[in-house]
Amino acid sequence: MKRNRRVFLASIGSLWWILSSMALAADPVKVGVMDQQLVIEKSKAGKRALEELKAYSATRQKIINSDDQELKELEQTIQDAKLSEAAKQEKQNQFQAKLEAYQRRLAEFNREIQQKQREMVTEYSKKVQEAAQAVAQREGYTAVIDRGSEAAIRIVIYHQPALDVTEHVVKEFDKQNK
């Protein structure tokens, strides 16, 4: 949430700077709009990174599923009427210990995945900015603004489709990140 607020404030500041410099400048100001998330999703390097993250999550999920199955089997064993009370108590103790380990592992895996996501977002945001800067300099844009998304703060409410440079940034991103 703090990141979204910072992005929003930075975008408002940039927009204010652009608009105020438009009033002072004799030359027209050329502004582009892009969708940073779409650049990552459509670019080859971004797709690879998303697939790696998905594979990482899938391996963790297999471990969790295996632990889950083991807990279910142990629970069924506890329900077996043929067990003595002492054996049932022993199985319940095992079940409780395994359940606690399962919950710790699940929390740990969730933290790991979230950390990997944050690292990927940080790394690829920088790369997208570099690609956007290259497009802006090559094509004469004064600024390129990320339009945001529904999940985050929507920065650009409306823009003419001709201002969208997302595809140009995707191509530049792929060129820079082979």
C-alpha atoms as a PDB file:
ATOM      1  CA  MET A   1       0.000   0.000   0.000  1.00  0.00           C
ATOM      2  CA  LYS A   2       2.878   2.376   0.827  1.00  0.00           C
ATOM      3  CA  ARG A   3       4.431   1.644  -2.565  1.00  0.00           C
ATOM      4  CA  ASN A   4       1.149   2.432  -4.303  1.00  0.00           C
ATOM      5  CA  ARG A   5       0.892   5.711  -2.407  1.00  0.00           C
ATOM      6  CA  ARG A   6       4.492   6.622  -3.308  1.00  0.00           C
ATOM      7  CA  VAL A   7       3.898   5.766  -6.963  1.00  0.00           C
ATOM      8  CA  PHE A   8       0.716   7.835  -6.938  1.00  0.00           C
ATOM      9  CA  LEU A   9       2.416  10.840  -5.324  1.00  0.00           C
ATOM     10  CA  ALA A  10       5.405  10.580  -7.649  1.00  0.00           C
ATOM     11  CA  SER A  11       3.081  10.379 -10.642  1.00  0.00           C
ATOM     12  CA  ILE A  12       1.083  13.395  -9.489  1.00  0.00           C
ATOM     13  CA  GLY A  13       4.343  15.296  -8.970  1.00  0.00           C
ATOM     14  CA  SER A  14       5.561  14.302 -12.427  1.00  0.00           C
ATOM     15  CA  LEU A  15       2.264  15.248 -13.992  1.00  0.00           C
ATOM     16  CA  TRP A  16       2.318  18.611 -12.210  1.00  0.00           C
ATOM     17  CA  TRP A  17       5.873  19.219 -13.429  1.00  0.00           C
ATOM     18  CA  ILE A  18       4.908  18.324 -16.991  1.00  0.00           C
ATOM     19  CA  LEU A  19       1.843  20.537 -16.983  1.00  0.00           C
ATOM     20  CA  SER A  20       3.682  23.470 -15.436  1.00  0.00           C
ATOM     21  CA  SER A  21       6.560  23.126 -17.894  1.00  0.00           C
ATOM     22  CA  MET A  22       4.024  23.020 -20.741  1.00  0.00           C
ATOM     23  CA  ALA A  23       2.892  26.489 -19.771  1.00  0.00           C
ATOM     24  CA  LEU A  24       6.479  27.749 -19.783  1.00  0.00           C
ATOM     25  CA  ALA A  25       7.758  25.914 -22.847  1.00  0.00           C
ATOM     26  CA  ALA A  26       7.421  27.148 -26.389  1.00  0.00           C
ATOM     27  CA  ASP A  27       7.757  23.648 -27.805  1.00  0.00           C
ATOM     28  CA  PRO A  28       4.866  21.212 -27.561  1.00  0.00           C
ATOM     29  CA  VAL A  29       5.136  18.525 -24.903  1.00  0.00           C
ATOM     30  CA  LYS A  30       4.801  14.928 -26.029  1.00  0.00           C
ATOM     31  CA  VAL A  31       3.574  12.518 -23.349  1.00  0.00           C
ATOM     32  CA  GLY A  32       3.252   8.751 -23.673  1.00  0.00           C
ATOM     33  CA  VAL A  33       1.292   6.302 -21.574  1.00  0.00           C
ATOM     34  CA  MET A  34       2.200   2.681 -20.904  1.00  0.00           C
ATOM     35  CA  ASP A  35       1.044  -0.281 -18.861  1.00  0.00           C
ATOM     36  CA  GLN A  36       4.063  -1.526 -16.908  1.00  0.00           C
ATOM     37  CA  GLN A  37       2.356  -4.791 -15.903  1.00  0.00           C
ATOM     38  CA  LEU A  38       1.488  -5.505 -19.532  1.00  0.00           C
ATOM     39  CA  VAL A  39       5.110  -4.916 -20.559  1.00  0.00           C
ATOM     40  CA  ILE A  40       6.204  -7.642 -18.130  1.00  0.00           C
ATOM     41  CA  GLU A  41       3.416 -10.012 -19.174  1.00  0.00           C
ATOM     42  CA  LYS A  42       3.984  -9.590 -22.935  1.00  0.00           C
ATOM     43  CA  SER A  43       7.775  -9.445 -23.075  1.00  0.00           C
ATOM     44  CA  LYS A  44       9.855 -12.583 -23.509  1.00  0.00           C
ATOM     45  CA  ALA A  45      12.003 -11.911 -20.423  1.00  0.00           C
ATOM     46  CA  GLY A  46       8.943 -11.039 -18.368  1.00  0.00           C
ATOM     47  CA  LYS A  47       7.153 -14.219 -19.433  1.00  0.00           C
ATOM     48  CA  ARG A  48      10.237 -16.249 -18.466  1.00  0.00           C
ATOM     49  CA  ALA A  49      10.366 -14.607 -15.039  1.00  0.00           C
ATOM     50  CA  LEU A  50       6.652 -15.200 -14.464  1.00  0.00           C
ATOM     51  CA  GLU A  51       7.056 -18.854 -15.500  1.00  0.00           C
ATOM     52  CA  GLU A  52       9.994 -19.273 -13.124  1.00  0.00           C
ATOM     53  CA  LEU A  53       7.927 -17.814 -10.300  1.00  0.00           C
ATOM     54  CA  LYS A  54       5.040 -20.105 -11.218  1.00  0.00           C
ATOM     55  CA  ALA A  55       7.355 -23.168 -11.267  1.00  0.00           C
ATOM     56  CA  TYR A  56       8.852 -22.157  -7.924  1.00  0.00           C
ATOM     57  CA  SER A  57       5.354 -21.889  -6.452  1.00  0.00           C
ATOM     58  CA  ALA A  58       4.337 -25.221  -8.006  1.00  0.00           C
ATOM     59  CA  THR A  59       7.232 -27.090  -6.374  1.00  0.00           C
ATOM     60  CA  ARG A  60       6.287 -25.613  -3.026  1.00  0.00           C
ATOM     61  CA  GLN A  61       2.652 -26.538  -3.611  1.00  0.00           C
ATOM     62  CA  LYS A  62       3.620 -30.179  -4.310  1.00  0.00           C
ATOM     63  CA  ILE A  63       5.365 -30.356  -0.947  1.00  0.00           C
ATOM     64  CA  ILE A  64       2.338 -28.828   0.786  1.00  0.00           C
ATOM     65  CA  ASN A  65       0.001 -31.253  -1.001  1.00  0.00           C
ATOM     66  CA  SER A  66       2.171 -34.183   0.096  1.00  0.00           C
ATOM     67  CA  ASP A  67       2.105 -32.968   3.705  1.00  0.00           C
ATOM     68  CA  ASP A  68      -1.651 -32.468   3.448  1.00  0.00           C
ATOM     69  CA  GLN A  69      -2.131 -36.026   2.198  1.00  0.00           C
ATOM     70  CA  GLU A  70       0.029 -37.379   5.014  1.00  0.00           C
ATOM     71  CA  LEU A  71      -2.108 -35.499   7.559  1.00  0.00           C
ATOM     72  CA  LYS A  72      -5.311 -36.916   6.054  1.00  0.00           C
ATOM     73  CA  GLU A  73      -3.956 -40.450   6.201  1.00  0.00           C
ATOM     74  CA  LEU A  74      -2.863 -40.002   9.796  1.00  0.00           C
ATOM     75  CA  GLU A  75      -6.283 -38.604  10.651  1.00  0.00           C
ATOM     76  CA  GLN A  76      -7.943 -41.676   9.108  1.00  0.00           C
ATOM     77  CA  THR A  77      -5.645 -43.919  11.130  1.00  0.00           C
ATOM     78  CA  ILE A  78      -6.734 -42.160  14.312  1.00  0.00           C
ATOM     79  CA  GLN A  79     -10.381 -42.855  13.414  1.00  0.00           C
ATOM     80  CA  ASP A  80      -9.659 -46.604  13.173  1.00  0.00           C
ATOM     81  CA  ALA A  81     -11.778 -48.358  15.825  1.00  0.00           C
ATOM     82  CA  LYS A  82      -9.211 -51.162  16.203  1.00  0.00           C
ATOM     83  CA  LEU A  83      -6.630 -48.899  17.868  1.00  0.00           C
ATOM     84  CA  SER A  84      -6.220 -48.953  21.624  1.00  0.00           C
ATOM     85  CA  GLU A  85      -6.622 -45.707  23.546  1.00  0.00           C
ATOM     86  CA  ALA A  86      -2.872 -45.476  24.072  1.00  0.00           C
ATOM     87  CA  ALA A  87      -2.227 -45.980  20.347  1.00  0.00           C
ATOM     88  CA  LYS A  88      -4.901 -43.388  19.484  1.00  0.00           C
ATOM     89  CA  GLN A  89      -3.319 -40.913  21.875  1.00  0.00           C
ATOM     90  CA  GLU A  90       0.110 -41.535  20.329  1.00  0.00           C
ATOM     91  CA  LYS A  91      -1.323 -41.001  16.814  1.00  0.00           C
ATOM     92  CA  GLN A  92      -3.094 -37.814  17.936  1.00  0.00           C
ATOM     93  CA  ASN A  93       0.187 -36.488  19.338  1.00  0.00           C
ATOM     94  CA  GLN A  94       1.889 -37.317  16.023  1.00  0.00           C
ATOM     95  CA  PHE A  95      -0.950 -35.640  14.154  1.00  0.00           C
ATOM     96  CA  GLN A  96      -0.704 -32.484  16.275  1.00  0.00           C
ATOM     97  CA  ALA A  97       3.080 -32.275  15.785  1.00  0.00           C
ATOM     98  CA  LYS A  98       2.757 -32.812  12.023  1.00  0.00           C
ATOM     99  CA  LEU A  99      -0.057 -30.266  11.796  1.00  0.00           C
ATOM    100  CA  GLU A 100       2.065 -27.635  13.535  1.00  0.00           C
ATOM    101  CA  ALA A 101       5.022 -28.403  11.245  1.00  0.00           C
ATOM    102  CA  TYR A 102       2.672 -28.217   8.236  1.00  0.00           C
ATOM    103  CA  GLN A 103       1.375 -24.804   9.301  1.00  0.00           C
ATOM    104  CA  ARG A 104       4.921 -23.483   9.858  1.00  0.00           C
ATOM    105  CA  ARG A 105       6.038 -24.780   6.454  1.00  0.00           C
ATOM    106  CA  LEU A 106       2.997 -23.274   4.754  1.00  0.00           C
ATOM    107  CA  ALA A 107       3.669 -19.874   6.332  1.00  0.00           C
ATOM    108  CA  GLU A 108       7.374 -20.117   5.418  1.00  0.00           C
ATOM    109  CA  PHE A 109       6.597 -21.011   1.795  1.00  0.00           C
ATOM    110  CA  ASN A 110       4.127 -18.138   1.534  1.00  0.00           C
ATOM    111  CA  ARG A 111       6.774 -15.722   2.838  1.00  0.00           C
ATOM    112  CA  GLU A 112       9.342 -17.087   0.363  1.00  0.00           C
ATOM    113  CA  ILE A 113       6.971 -16.721  -2.578  1.00  0.00           C
ATOM    114  CA  GLN A 114       5.991 -13.189  -1.563  1.00  0.00           C
ATOM    115  CA  GLN A 115       9.662 -12.274  -1.210  1.00  0.00           C
ATOM    116  CA  LYS A 116      10.430 -13.654  -4.676  1.00  0.00           C
ATOM    117  CA  GLN A 117       7.491 -11.676  -6.091  1.00  0.00           C
ATOM    118  CA  ARG A 118       8.729  -8.461  -4.470  1.00  0.00           C
ATOM    119  CA  GLU A 119      12.250  -9.038  -5.789  1.00  0.00           C
ATOM    120  CA  MET A 120      10.925  -9.701  -9.283  1.00  0.00           C
ATOM    121  CA  VAL A 121       8.737  -6.583  -9.243  1.00  0.00           C
ATOM    122  CA  THR A 122      11.665  -4.443  -8.074  1.00  0.00           C
ATOM    123  CA  GLU A 123      14.060  -5.862 -10.671  1.00  0.00           C
ATOM    124  CA  TYR A 124      11.632  -5.698 -13.579  1.00  0.00           C
ATOM    125  CA  SER A 125      10.291  -2.254 -12.681  1.00  0.00           C
ATOM    126  CA  LYS A 126      13.813  -0.895 -13.093  1.00  0.00           C
ATOM    127  CA  LYS A 127      14.204  -2.693 -16.418  1.00  0.00           C
ATOM    128  CA  VAL A 128      10.839  -1.437 -17.682  1.00  0.00           C
ATOM    129  CA  GLN A 129      11.807   2.105 -16.693  1.00  0.00           C
ATOM    130  CA  GLU A 130      15.043   1.781 -18.672  1.00  0.00           C
ATOM    131  CA  ALA A 131      13.141   0.543 -21.727  1.00  0.00           C
ATOM    132  CA  ALA A 132      10.539   3.315 -21.386  1.00  0.00           C
ATOM    133  CA  GLN A 133      13.314   5.891 -21.101  1.00  0.00           C
ATOM    134  CA  ALA A 134      14.963   4.583 -24.268  1.00  0.00           C
ATOM    135  CA  VAL A 135      11.636   4.746 -26.155  1.00  0.00           C
ATOM    136  CA  ALA A 136      10.946   8.244 -24.825  1.00  0.00           C
ATOM    137  CA  GLN A 137      14.363   9.542 -25.852  1.00  0.00           C
ATOM    138  CA  ARG A 138      14.257   7.896 -29.275  1.00  0.00           C
ATOM    139  CA  GLU A 139      10.716   9.055 -30.080  1.00  0.00           C
ATOM    140  CA  GLY A 140      10.880  12.502 -28.481  1.00  0.00           C
ATOM    141  CA  TYR A 141       8.575  12.030 -25.488  1.00  0.00           C
ATOM    142  CA  THR A 142       8.943  14.456 -22.615  1.00  0.00           C
ATOM    143  CA  ALA A 143       7.462  11.861 -20.276  1.00  0.00           C
ATOM    144  CA  VAL A 144       6.051   8.343 -20.239  1.00  0.00           C
ATOM    145  CA  ILE A 145       3.497   7.751 -17.510  1.00  0.00           C
ATOM    146  CA  ASP A 146       2.474   4.338 -16.186  1.00  0.00           C
ATOM    147  CA  ARG A 147      -1.294   4.237 -16.348  1.00  0.00           C
ATOM    148  CA  GLY A 148      -1.503   1.929 -13.316  1.00  0.00           C
ATOM    149  CA  SER A 149      -4.042  -0.826 -12.887  1.00  0.00           C
ATOM    150  CA  GLU A 150      -7.255  -1.693 -11.131  1.00  0.00           C
ATOM    151  CA  ALA A 151      -5.268  -3.591  -8.462  1.00  0.00           C
ATOM    152  CA  ALA A 152      -3.091  -0.572  -7.711  1.00  0.00           C
ATOM    153  CA  ILE A 153      -3.898   3.085  -7.960  1.00  0.00           C
ATOM    154  CA  ARG A 154      -5.068   4.030 -11.431  1.00  0.00           C
ATOM    155  CA  ILE A 155      -2.896   6.968 -12.353  1.00  0.00           C
ATOM    156  CA  VAL A 156      -4.172   7.808 -15.828  1.00  0.00           C
ATOM    157  CA  ILE A 157      -7.939   7.948 -15.996  1.00  0.00           C
ATOM    158  CA  TYR A 158      -8.168   8.633 -19.713  1.00  0.00           C
ATOM    159  CA  HIS A 159      -5.765   8.875 -22.606  1.00  0.00           C
ATOM    160  CA  GLN A 160      -6.047   8.798 -26.356  1.00  0.00           C
ATOM    161  CA  PRO A 161      -5.043   5.383 -27.698  1.00  0.00           C
ATOM    162  CA  ALA A 162      -2.391   7.032 -29.866  1.00  0.00           C
ATOM    163  CA  LEU A 163      -0.495   8.005 -26.707  1.00  0.00           C
ATOM    164  CA  ASP A 164      -0.075   4.365 -25.609  1.00  0.00           C
ATOM    165  CA  VAL A 165       3.547   3.319 -26.078  1.00  0.00           C
ATOM    166  CA  THR A 166       3.238  -0.032 -24.292  1.00  0.00           C
ATOM    167  CA  GLU A 167       4.023  -2.081 -27.423  1.00  0.00           C
ATOM    168  CA  HIS A 168       7.091   0.087 -28.175  1.00  0.00           C
ATOM    169  CA  VAL A 169       8.303  -0.433 -24.605  1.00  0.00           C
ATOM    170  CA  VAL A 170       7.713  -4.213 -24.873  1.00  0.00           C
ATOM    171  CA  LYS A 171       9.896  -4.324 -28.015  1.00  0.00           C
ATOM    172  CA  GLU A 172      12.603  -2.207 -26.402  1.00  0.00           C
ATOM    173  CA  PHE A 173      12.414  -4.280 -23.210  1.00  0.00           C
ATOM    174  CA  ASP A 174      12.906  -7.476 -25.232  1.00  0.00           C
ATOM    175  CA  LYS A 175      15.823  -5.902 -27.087  1.00  0.00           C
ATOM    176  CA  GLN A 176      17.500  -4.881 -23.806  1.00  0.00           C
ATOM    177  CA  ASN A 177      16.768  -8.153 -21.946  1.00  0.00           C
ATOM    178  CA  LYS A 178      17.483 -11.055 -24.284  1.00  0.00           C
END
